[in-house]
Structures are given as C-alpha cells and as structure tokens.
Amino acid sequence: MTAWIIILFSWYLFMALAINLMAFLNVLIFRDLFLYPSNLLEKIFLLEATRGLQKKLLSWLIEKGR
C-alpha cells in the first residue's frame, strides 16, 4: 500500500513539474515577444518551436499515462 502511495505521489509530482515547465516556457516567450520585440520573425519562430516542444511533451505524458 505504501509503495502505491509513493508511486502515485511521484507521478503527480512529475506531472506537476512538466506542467510548470510548459507554463514557464510560455511566460518566457510572452515576455520576450511583447516586452522586447526586436527581431519579430525570430521570436515567432521561437514561439512555434516552444509550442511544438509543449505538444510533444504533452503527447508523451498522455502516452506515458496510458
């Protein structure tokens, strides 16, 4: 029983860290896009790359949860 609690808690912690990483990446991109719009094309490329990374991370988490 204790092992299941540890496994579930560590899975919950892992999911929370992954979601926080995605939120942190969004904050970084938002700050760079709207506070320092020097090279807009590069920022848009970075935003799309980050979204792609988030989609891959989310799909990996969904597959891992099945």
PDB file of N, CA and C in Angstrom:
ATOM      1  N   MET A   1       0.822  -1.193   0.000  1.00  0.00           N
ATOM      2  CA  MET A   1       0.000   0.000   0.000  1.00  0.00           C
ATOM      3  C   MET A   1       0.868   1.260   0.000  1.00  0.00           C
ATOM      4  N   THR A   2       1.910   1.241   0.807  1.00  0.00           N
ATOM      5  CA  THR A   2       2.807   2.390   0.885  1.00  0.00           C
ATOM      6  C   THR A   2       3.535   2.607  -0.442  1.00  0.00           C
ATOM      7  N   ALA A   3       3.851   1.516  -1.118  1.00  0.00           N
ATOM      8  CA  ALA A   3       4.535   1.643  -2.413  1.00  0.00           C
ATOM      9  C   ALA A   3       3.628   2.335  -3.435  1.00  0.00           C
ATOM     10  N   TRP A   4       2.351   1.997  -3.426  1.00  0.00           N
ATOM     11  CA  TRP A   4       1.418   2.637  -4.368  1.00  0.00           C
ATOM     12  C   TRP A   4       1.284   4.124  -4.081  1.00  0.00           C
ATOM     13  N   ILE A   5       1.278   4.480  -2.820  1.00  0.00           N
ATOM     14  CA  ILE A   5       1.189   5.901  -2.455  1.00  0.00           C
ATOM     15  C   ILE A   5       2.429   6.641  -2.944  1.00  0.00           C
ATOM     16  N   ILE A   6       3.586   6.048  -2.777  1.00  0.00           N
ATOM     17  CA  ILE A   6       4.829   6.674  -3.243  1.00  0.00           C
ATOM     18  C   ILE A   6       4.830   6.791  -4.756  1.00  0.00           C
ATOM     19  N   ILE A   7       4.394   5.753  -5.460  1.00  0.00           N
ATOM     20  CA  ILE A   7       4.356   5.785  -6.924  1.00  0.00           C
ATOM     21  C   ILE A   7       3.389   6.859  -7.413  1.00  0.00           C
ATOM     22  N   LEU A   8       2.196   6.907  -6.825  1.00  0.00           N
ATOM     23  CA  LEU A   8       1.204   7.903  -7.243  1.00  0.00           C
ATOM     24  C   LEU A   8       1.671   9.322  -6.926  1.00  0.00           C
ATOM     25  N   PHE A   9       2.290   9.510  -5.787  1.00  0.00           N
ATOM     26  CA  PHE A   9       2.781  10.836  -5.437  1.00  0.00           C
ATOM     27  C   PHE A   9       3.903  11.266  -6.360  1.00  0.00           C
ATOM     28  N   SER A  10       4.817  10.360  -6.687  1.00  0.00           N
ATOM     29  CA  SER A  10       5.908  10.725  -7.589  1.00  0.00           C
ATOM     30  C   SER A  10       5.376  10.994  -8.996  1.00  0.00           C
ATOM     31  N   TRP A  11       4.345  10.262  -9.436  1.00  0.00           N
ATOM     32  CA  TRP A  11       3.744  10.535 -10.744  1.00  0.00           C
ATOM     33  C   TRP A  11       3.063  11.903 -10.745  1.00  0.00           C
ATOM     34  N   TYR A  12       2.371  12.216  -9.669  1.00  0.00           N
ATOM     35  CA  TYR A  12       1.732  13.521  -9.536  1.00  0.00           C
ATOM     36  C   TYR A  12       2.787  14.634  -9.550  1.00  0.00           C
ATOM     37  N   LEU A  13       3.876  14.417  -8.842  1.00  0.00           N
ATOM     38  CA  LEU A  13       4.959  15.409  -8.803  1.00  0.00           C
ATOM     39  C   LEU A  13       5.572  15.586 -10.183  1.00  0.00           C
ATOM     40  N   PHE A  14       5.772  14.501 -10.907  1.00  0.00           N
ATOM     41  CA  PHE A  14       6.330  14.575 -12.259  1.00  0.00           C
ATOM     42  C   PHE A  14       5.403  15.346 -13.193  1.00  0.00           C
ATOM     43  N   MET A  15       4.101  15.067 -13.128  1.00  0.00           N
ATOM     44  CA  MET A  15       3.134  15.779 -13.965  1.00  0.00           C
ATOM     45  C   MET A  15       3.104  17.262 -13.608  1.00  0.00           C
ATOM     46  N   ALA A  16       3.151  17.589 -12.338  1.00  0.00           N
ATOM     47  CA  ALA A  16       3.139  18.991 -11.915  1.00  0.00           C
ATOM     48  C   ALA A  16       4.386  19.711 -12.416  1.00  0.00           C
ATOM     49  N   LEU A  17       5.527  19.053 -12.373  1.00  0.00           N
ATOM     50  CA  LEU A  17       6.760  19.672 -12.870  1.00  0.00           C
ATOM     51  C   LEU A  17       6.698  19.894 -14.379  1.00  0.00           C
ATOM     52  N   ALA A  18       6.131  18.941 -15.102  1.00  0.00           N
ATOM     53  CA  ALA A  18       6.015  19.090 -16.552  1.00  0.00           C
ATOM     54  C   ALA A  18       5.075  20.240 -16.913  1.00  0.00           C
ATOM     55  N   ILE A  19       3.964  20.353 -16.207  1.00  0.00           N
ATOM     56  CA  ILE A  19       3.015  21.442 -16.468  1.00  0.00           C
ATOM     57  C   ILE A  19       3.639  22.787 -16.108  1.00  0.00           C
ATOM     58  N   ASN A  20       4.388  22.828 -15.006  1.00  0.00           N
ATOM     59  CA  ASN A  20       5.069  24.066 -14.633  1.00  0.00           C
ATOM     60  C   ASN A  20       6.134  24.445 -15.643  1.00  0.00           C
ATOM     61  N   LEU A  21       6.812  23.462 -16.220  1.00  0.00           N
ATOM     62  CA  LEU A  21       7.799  23.756 -17.259  1.00  0.00           C
ATOM     63  C   LEU A  21       7.127  24.379 -18.468  1.00  0.00           C
ATOM     64  N   MET A  22       5.975  23.856 -18.871  1.00  0.00           N
ATOM     65  CA  MET A  22       5.254  24.435 -20.006  1.00  0.00           C
ATOM     66  C   MET A  22       4.805  25.861 -19.697  1.00  0.00           C
ATOM     67  N   ALA A  23       4.325  26.092 -18.488  1.00  0.00           N
ATOM     68  CA  ALA A  23       3.888  27.440 -18.104  1.00  0.00           C
ATOM     69  C   ALA A  23       5.079  28.395 -18.066  1.00  0.00           C
ATOM     70  N   PHE A  24       6.216  27.919 -17.574  1.00  0.00           N
ATOM     71  CA  PHE A  24       7.416  28.754 -17.517  1.00  0.00           C
ATOM     72  C   PHE A  24       7.889  29.130 -18.919  1.00  0.00           C
ATOM     73  N   LEU A  25       7.836  28.166 -19.836  1.00  0.00           N
ATOM     74  CA  LEU A  25       8.214  28.467 -21.220  1.00  0.00           C
ATOM     75  C   LEU A  25       7.264  29.491 -21.829  1.00  0.00           C
ATOM     76  N   ASN A  26       5.975  29.383 -21.524  1.00  0.00           N
ATOM     77  CA  ASN A  26       5.017  30.368 -22.022  1.00  0.00           C
ATOM     78  C   ASN A  26       5.314  31.756 -21.488  1.00  0.00           C
ATOM     79  N   VAL A  27       5.666  31.865 -20.215  1.00  0.00           N
ATOM     80  CA  VAL A  27       5.991  33.168 -19.626  1.00  0.00           C
ATOM     81  C   VAL A  27       7.228  33.756 -20.276  1.00  0.00           C
ATOM     82  N   LEU A  28       8.242  32.930 -20.503  1.00  0.00           N
ATOM     83  CA  LEU A  28       9.462  33.427 -21.150  1.00  0.00           C
ATOM     84  C   LEU A  28       9.174  33.931 -22.553  1.00  0.00           C
ATOM     85  N   ILE A  29       8.400  33.172 -23.309  1.00  0.00           N
ATOM     86  CA  ILE A  29       8.088  33.574 -24.681  1.00  0.00           C
ATOM     87  C   ILE A  29       7.230  34.833 -24.682  1.00  0.00           C
ATOM     88  N   PHE A  30       6.248  34.915 -23.799  1.00  0.00           N
ATOM     89  CA  PHE A  30       5.385  36.091 -23.730  1.00  0.00           C
ATOM     90  C   PHE A  30       6.218  37.324 -23.394  1.00  0.00           C
ATOM     91  N   ARG A  31       7.115  37.190 -22.444  1.00  0.00           N
ATOM     92  CA  ARG A  31       7.954  38.327 -22.053  1.00  0.00           C
ATOM     93  C   ARG A  31       8.840  38.776 -23.212  1.00  0.00           C
ATOM     94  N   ASP A  32       9.430  37.817 -23.887  1.00  0.00           N
ATOM     95  CA  ASP A  32      10.309  38.168 -24.998  1.00  0.00           C
ATOM     96  C   ASP A  32       9.540  38.757 -26.170  1.00  0.00           C
ATOM     97  N   LEU A  33       8.340  38.229 -26.437  1.00  0.00           N
ATOM     98  CA  LEU A  33       7.583  38.706 -27.589  1.00  0.00           C
ATOM     99  C   LEU A  33       7.046  40.117 -27.395  1.00  0.00           C
ATOM    100  N   PHE A  34       6.537  40.392 -26.217  1.00  0.00           N
ATOM    101  CA  PHE A  34       5.808  41.640 -26.045  1.00  0.00           C
ATOM    102  C   PHE A  34       6.591  42.726 -25.323  1.00  0.00           C
ATOM    103  N   LEU A  35       7.622  42.362 -24.590  1.00  0.00           N
ATOM    104  CA  LEU A  35       8.403  43.398 -23.916  1.00  0.00           C
ATOM    105  C   LEU A  35       9.636  43.805 -24.710  1.00  0.00           C
ATOM    106  N   TYR A  36      10.188  42.887 -25.466  1.00  0.00           N
ATOM    107  CA  TYR A  36      11.397  43.173 -26.241  1.00  0.00           C
ATOM    108  C   TYR A  36      11.203  42.763 -27.702  1.00  0.00           C
ATOM    109  N   PRO A  37      10.333  43.414 -28.451  1.00  0.00           N
ATOM    110  CA  PRO A  37      10.064  42.969 -29.835  1.00  0.00           C
ATOM    111  C   PRO A  37      11.115  43.484 -30.822  1.00  0.00           C
ATOM    112  N   SER A  38      12.348  42.997 -30.720  1.00  0.00           N
ATOM    113  CA  SER A  38      13.401  43.488 -31.608  1.00  0.00           C
ATOM    114  C   SER A  38      13.414  42.727 -32.936  1.00  0.00           C
ATOM    115  N   ASN A  39      13.475  41.412 -32.871  1.00  0.00           N
ATOM    116  CA  ASN A  39      13.505  40.612 -34.084  1.00  0.00           C
ATOM    117  C   ASN A  39      12.245  39.734 -34.089  1.00  0.00           C
ATOM    118  N   LEU A  40      11.184  40.235 -34.678  1.00  0.00           N
ATOM    119  CA  LEU A  40       9.876  39.598 -34.569  1.00  0.00           C
ATOM    120  C   LEU A  40       9.850  38.217 -35.237  1.00  0.00           C
ATOM    121  N   LEU A  41      10.501  38.078 -36.378  1.00  0.00           N
ATOM    122  CA  LEU A  41      10.497  36.791 -37.070  1.00  0.00           C
ATOM    123  C   LEU A  41      11.162  35.703 -36.227  1.00  0.00           C
ATOM    124  N   GLU A  42      12.265  36.064 -35.592  1.00  0.00           N
ATOM    125  CA  GLU A  42      12.955  35.105 -34.732  1.00  0.00           C
ATOM    126  C   GLU A  42      12.089  34.744 -33.523  1.00  0.00           C
ATOM    127  N   LYS A  43      11.389  35.718 -32.974  1.00  0.00           N
ATOM    128  CA  LYS A  43      10.529  35.452 -31.817  1.00  0.00           C
ATOM    129  C   LYS A  43       9.349  34.558 -32.205  1.00  0.00           C
ATOM    130  N   ILE A  44       8.787  34.775 -33.380  1.00  0.00           N
ATOM    131  CA  ILE A  44       7.669  33.930 -33.829  1.00  0.00           C
ATOM    132  C   ILE A  44       8.157  32.495 -34.047  1.00  0.00           C
ATOM    133  N   PHE A  45       9.348  32.351 -34.618  1.00  0.00           N
ATOM    134  CA  PHE A  45       9.915  31.014 -34.801  1.00  0.00           C
ATOM    135  C   PHE A  45      10.134  30.337 -33.449  1.00  0.00           C
ATOM    136  N   LEU A  46      10.644  31.095 -32.470  1.00  0.00           N
ATOM    137  CA  LEU A  46      10.870  30.551 -31.136  1.00  0.00           C
ATOM    138  C   LEU A  46       9.554  30.156 -30.476  1.00  0.00           C
ATOM    139  N   LEU A  47       8.523  30.969 -30.677  1.00  0.00           N
ATOM    140  CA  LEU A  47       7.201  30.657 -30.119  1.00  0.00           C
ATOM    141  C   LEU A  47       6.662  29.365 -30.714  1.00  0.00           C
ATOM    142  N   GLU A  48       6.771  29.209 -32.029  1.00  0.00           N
ATOM    143  CA  GLU A  48       6.275  27.981 -32.669  1.00  0.00           C
ATOM    144  C   GLU A  48       7.090  26.768 -32.245  1.00  0.00           C
ATOM    145  N   ALA A  49       8.405  26.946 -32.090  1.00  0.00           N
ATOM    146  CA  ALA A  49       9.243  25.829 -31.641  1.00  0.00           C
ATOM    147  C   ALA A  49       8.864  25.414 -30.224  1.00  0.00           C
ATOM    148  N   THR A  50       8.586  26.393 -29.377  1.00  0.00           N
ATOM    149  CA  THR A  50       8.192  26.084 -28.000  1.00  0.00           C
ATOM    150  C   THR A  50       6.836  25.398 -27.970  1.00  0.00           C
ATOM    151  N   ARG A  51       5.923  25.836 -28.814  1.00  0.00           N
ATOM    152  CA  ARG A  51       4.620  25.161 -28.871  1.00  0.00           C
ATOM    153  C   ARG A  51       4.787  23.723 -29.338  1.00  0.00           C
ATOM    154  N   GLY A  52       5.676  23.506 -30.300  1.00  0.00           N
ATOM    155  CA  GLY A  52       5.942  22.146 -30.753  1.00  0.00           C
ATOM    156  C   GLY A  52       6.518  21.290 -29.639  1.00  0.00           C
ATOM    157  N   LEU A  53       7.429  21.889 -28.868  1.00  0.00           N
ATOM    158  CA  LEU A  53       8.006  21.173 -27.732  1.00  0.00           C
ATOM    159  C   LEU A  53       6.938  20.848 -26.698  1.00  0.00           C
ATOM    160  N   GLN A  54       6.037  21.795 -26.457  1.00  0.00           N
ATOM    161  CA  GLN A  54       4.968  21.555 -25.499  1.00  0.00           C
ATOM    162  C   GLN A  54       4.029  20.455 -25.990  1.00  0.00           C
ATOM    163  N   LYS A  55       3.711  20.456 -27.286  1.00  0.00           N
ATOM    164  CA  LYS A  55       2.840  19.416 -27.821  1.00  0.00           C
ATOM    165  C   LYS A  55       3.486  18.042 -27.697  1.00  0.00           C
ATOM    166  N   LYS A  56       4.794  17.967 -27.986  1.00  0.00           N
ATOM    167  CA  LYS A  56       5.490  16.694 -27.855  1.00  0.00           C
ATOM    168  C   LYS A  56       5.516  16.231 -26.407  1.00  0.00           C
ATOM    169  N   LEU A  57       5.779  17.173 -25.487  1.00  0.00           N
ATOM    170  CA  LEU A  57       5.817  16.821 -24.073  1.00  0.00           C
ATOM    171  C   LEU A  57       4.446  16.363 -23.589  1.00  0.00           C
ATOM    172  N   LEU A  58       3.412  17.056 -24.013  1.00  0.00           N
ATOM    173  CA  LEU A  58       2.052  16.688 -23.597  1.00  0.00           C
ATOM    174  C   LEU A  58       1.644  15.337 -24.181  1.00  0.00           C
ATOM    175  N   SER A  59       1.954  15.101 -25.450  1.00  0.00           N
ATOM    176  CA  SER A  59       1.602  13.800 -26.035  1.00  0.00           C
ATOM    177  C   SER A  59       2.402  12.675 -25.383  1.00  0.00           C
ATOM    178  N   TRP A  60       3.659  12.962 -25.013  1.00  0.00           N
ATOM    179  CA  TRP A  60       4.458  11.951 -24.333  1.00  0.00           C
ATOM    180  C   TRP A  60       3.858  11.645 -22.964  1.00  0.00           C
ATOM    181  N   LEU A  61       3.403  12.700 -22.258  1.00  0.00           N
ATOM    182  CA  LEU A  61       2.792  12.475 -20.946  1.00  0.00           C
ATOM    183  C   LEU A  61       1.507  11.678 -21.066  1.00  0.00           C
ATOM    184  N   ILE A  62       0.717  11.951 -22.106  1.00  0.00           N
ATOM    185  CA  ILE A  62      -0.530  11.211 -22.308  1.00  0.00           C
ATOM    186  C   ILE A  62      -0.229   9.751 -22.611  1.00  0.00           C
ATOM    187  N   GLU A  63       0.740   9.507 -23.484  1.00  0.00           N
ATOM    188  CA  GLU A  63       1.113   8.121 -23.804  1.00  0.00           C
ATOM    189  C   GLU A  63       1.666   7.407 -22.580  1.00  0.00           C
ATOM    190  N   LYS A  64       2.453   8.137 -21.780  1.00  0.00           N
ATOM    191  CA  LYS A  64       3.040   7.527 -20.587  1.00  0.00           C
ATOM    192  C   LYS A  64       1.953   7.184 -19.569  1.00  0.00           C
ATOM    193  N   GLY A  65       0.872   7.968 -19.555  1.00  0.00           N
ATOM    194  CA  GLY A  65      -0.205   7.730 -18.597  1.00  0.00           C
ATOM    195  C   GLY A  65      -1.102   6.565 -18.965  1.00  0.00           C
ATOM    196  N   ARG A  66      -1.039   6.106 -20.212  1.00  0.00           N
ATOM    197  CA  ARG A  66      -1.919   5.001 -20.633  1.00  0.00           C
ATOM    198  C   ARG A  66      -1.415   3.661 -20.191  1.00  0.00           C
TER     199      ARG A  66
END
